[in-house]
Amino acid sequence: MVENNDAESFIKGVWSEQVLVITEDYEIVGKIFLPKINKRNRVLSDLLNGKKRFMAIKNCKIKHRHFPDRTTEEQDFIQLNINSIIMLRPIFAE
């Protein structure tokens, strides 16, 4: 029961956002999580302007931009250096 309460506390304390990240070599679709300390519409800009240099992305689909015929890779978790990001945008449910 303690684990369930911990999970609920975590979920209530963070924003989650489905995002598209473009780097020089890859297009990455996945979910990021950030603490609920600022406004929801500032989540991505706060992430990019923060002190941390890496961004955690969960449930990723990774596509190689220079070789689009390659199979899309799927990873449960990656760490991405923020300096490698060309574009970051939310993906809204349709």
C-alpha atoms as a PDB file:
ATOM      1  CA  MET A   1       0.000   0.000   0.000  1.00  0.00           C
ATOM      2  CA  VAL A   2       2.871   2.395   0.665  1.00  0.00           C
ATOM      3  CA  GLU A   3       4.104   2.049  -2.914  1.00  0.00           C
ATOM      4  CA  ASN A   4       0.681   3.047  -4.244  1.00  0.00           C
ATOM      5  CA  ASN A   5       0.621   6.177  -2.044  1.00  0.00           C
ATOM      6  CA  ASP A   6       4.134   7.101  -3.202  1.00  0.00           C
ATOM      7  CA  ALA A   7       3.056   6.758  -6.833  1.00  0.00           C
ATOM      8  CA  GLU A   8      -0.032   8.903  -6.240  1.00  0.00           C
ATOM      9  CA  SER A   9       2.054  11.590  -4.515  1.00  0.00           C
ATOM     10  CA  PHE A  10       4.509  11.595  -7.421  1.00  0.00           C
ATOM     11  CA  ILE A  11       1.747  11.896 -10.006  1.00  0.00           C
ATOM     12  CA  LYS A  12       0.103  14.783  -8.136  1.00  0.00           C
ATOM     13  CA  GLY A  13       3.424  16.616  -7.803  1.00  0.00           C
ATOM     14  CA  VAL A  14       4.543  16.678 -11.450  1.00  0.00           C
ATOM     15  CA  TRP A  15       3.445  17.869 -14.854  1.00  0.00           C
ATOM     16  CA  SER A  16       3.809  15.345 -17.651  1.00  0.00           C
ATOM     17  CA  GLU A  17       4.044  16.394 -21.273  1.00  0.00           C
ATOM     18  CA  GLN A  18       4.170  14.363 -24.490  1.00  0.00           C
ATOM     19  CA  VAL A  19       6.814  16.031 -26.661  1.00  0.00           C
ATOM     20  CA  LEU A  20       8.582  15.967 -30.000  1.00  0.00           C
ATOM     21  CA  VAL A  21      12.311  16.650 -29.732  1.00  0.00           C
ATOM     22  CA  ILE A  22      14.412  17.264 -32.834  1.00  0.00           C
ATOM     23  CA  THR A  23      18.192  17.039 -32.738  1.00  0.00           C
ATOM     24  CA  GLU A  24      20.641  17.115 -35.625  1.00  0.00           C
ATOM     25  CA  ASP A  25      20.394  13.334 -36.025  1.00  0.00           C
ATOM     26  CA  TYR A  26      17.109  12.250 -34.420  1.00  0.00           C
ATOM     27  CA  GLU A  27      13.400  12.916 -33.989  1.00  0.00           C
ATOM     28  CA  ILE A  28      12.308  11.710 -30.570  1.00  0.00           C
ATOM     29  CA  VAL A  29       8.736  11.384 -29.330  1.00  0.00           C
ATOM     30  CA  GLY A  30       8.282  10.685 -25.641  1.00  0.00           C
ATOM     31  CA  LYS A  31       7.057  11.911 -22.282  1.00  0.00           C
ATOM     32  CA  ILE A  32       8.837  14.296 -19.939  1.00  0.00           C
ATOM     33  CA  PHE A  33       8.032  14.996 -16.290  1.00  0.00           C
ATOM     34  CA  LEU A  34       8.667  18.196 -14.331  1.00  0.00           C
ATOM     35  CA  PRO A  35       7.719  19.282 -10.807  1.00  0.00           C
ATOM     36  CA  LYS A  36       4.602  21.427 -10.438  1.00  0.00           C
ATOM     37  CA  ILE A  37       6.471  24.489  -9.240  1.00  0.00           C
ATOM     38  CA  ASN A  38       5.590  26.864 -12.072  1.00  0.00           C
ATOM     39  CA  LYS A  39       2.792  27.461 -14.539  1.00  0.00           C
ATOM     40  CA  ARG A  40       1.880  24.600 -16.869  1.00  0.00           C
ATOM     41  CA  ASN A  41       2.494  26.706 -19.992  1.00  0.00           C
ATOM     42  CA  ARG A  42       6.096  27.319 -18.856  1.00  0.00           C
ATOM     43  CA  VAL A  43       7.101  23.675 -18.395  1.00  0.00           C
ATOM     44  CA  LEU A  44       9.174  23.358 -21.574  1.00  0.00           C
ATOM     45  CA  SER A  45      10.843  26.765 -21.365  1.00  0.00           C
ATOM     46  CA  ASP A  46      11.674  26.188 -17.688  1.00  0.00           C
ATOM     47  CA  LEU A  47      13.258  22.870 -18.625  1.00  0.00           C
ATOM     48  CA  LEU A  48      15.425  24.411 -21.340  1.00  0.00           C
ATOM     49  CA  ASN A  49      16.420  27.420 -19.231  1.00  0.00           C
ATOM     50  CA  GLY A  50      17.091  25.489 -16.023  1.00  0.00           C
ATOM     51  CA  LYS A  51      20.424  24.518 -14.520  1.00  0.00           C
ATOM     52  CA  LYS A  52      20.217  20.847 -15.471  1.00  0.00           C
ATOM     53  CA  ARG A  53      21.988  19.927 -18.686  1.00  0.00           C
ATOM     54  CA  PHE A  54      20.151  16.658 -19.368  1.00  0.00           C
ATOM     55  CA  MET A  55      16.482  15.937 -19.949  1.00  0.00           C
ATOM     56  CA  ALA A  56      14.917  12.595 -19.040  1.00  0.00           C
ATOM     57  CA  ILE A  57      12.468  11.239 -21.621  1.00  0.00           C
ATOM     58  CA  LYS A  58      10.319   8.150 -21.045  1.00  0.00           C
ATOM     59  CA  ASN A  59       8.582   5.789 -23.488  1.00  0.00           C
ATOM     60  CA  CYS A  60      10.554   7.076 -26.464  1.00  0.00           C
ATOM     61  CA  LYS A  61      10.254   6.454 -30.160  1.00  0.00           C
ATOM     62  CA  ILE A  62      13.492   7.459 -31.857  1.00  0.00           C
ATOM     63  CA  LYS A  63      13.694   8.020 -35.616  1.00  0.00           C
ATOM     64  CA  HIS A  64      16.963   8.708 -37.441  1.00  0.00           C
ATOM     65  CA  ARG A  65      16.583  11.891 -39.519  1.00  0.00           C
ATOM     66  CA  HIS A  66      19.355  11.134 -42.040  1.00  0.00           C
ATOM     67  CA  PHE A  67      18.284   7.523 -42.605  1.00  0.00           C
ATOM     68  CA  PRO A  68      14.453   7.533 -42.507  1.00  0.00           C
ATOM     69  CA  ASP A  69      14.278   3.947 -43.784  1.00  0.00           C
ATOM     70  CA  ARG A  70      15.846   2.671 -40.559  1.00  0.00           C
ATOM     71  CA  THR A  71      13.492   1.031 -38.102  1.00  0.00           C
ATOM     72  CA  THR A  72      12.169   3.380 -35.433  1.00  0.00           C
ATOM     73  CA  GLU A  73      13.862   2.509 -32.158  1.00  0.00           C
ATOM     74  CA  GLU A  74      11.857   2.304 -28.932  1.00  0.00           C
ATOM     75  CA  GLN A  75      13.368   2.910 -25.494  1.00  0.00           C
ATOM     76  CA  ASP A  76      11.768   2.994 -22.048  1.00  0.00           C
ATOM     77  CA  PHE A  77      14.076   5.789 -20.893  1.00  0.00           C
ATOM     78  CA  ILE A  78      16.789   8.052 -22.297  1.00  0.00           C
ATOM     79  CA  GLN A  79      18.778  11.049 -21.065  1.00  0.00           C
ATOM     80  CA  LEU A  80      19.239  13.755 -23.704  1.00  0.00           C
ATOM     81  CA  ASN A  81      21.781  16.574 -23.490  1.00  0.00           C
ATOM     82  CA  ILE A  82      19.804  19.800 -23.732  1.00  0.00           C
ATOM     83  CA  ASN A  83      22.535  21.409 -25.865  1.00  0.00           C
ATOM     84  CA  SER A  84      21.727  18.958 -28.682  1.00  0.00           C
ATOM     85  CA  ILE A  85      18.104  20.130 -29.012  1.00  0.00           C
ATOM     86  CA  ILE A  86      17.189  22.038 -32.174  1.00  0.00           C
ATOM     87  CA  MET A  87      13.438  22.080 -31.508  1.00  0.00           C
ATOM     88  CA  LEU A  88      11.202  20.980 -28.637  1.00  0.00           C
ATOM     89  CA  ARG A  89       7.432  21.169 -28.776  1.00  0.00           C
ATOM     90  CA  PRO A  90       4.453  19.590 -27.052  1.00  0.00           C
ATOM     91  CA  ILE A  91       2.311  17.035 -28.828  1.00  0.00           C
ATOM     92  CA  PHE A  92      -1.333  17.639 -28.052  1.00  0.00           C
ATOM     93  CA  ALA A  93      -3.916  14.844 -28.155  1.00  0.00           C
ATOM     94  CA  GLU A  94      -6.217  15.176 -31.126  1.00  0.00           C
END
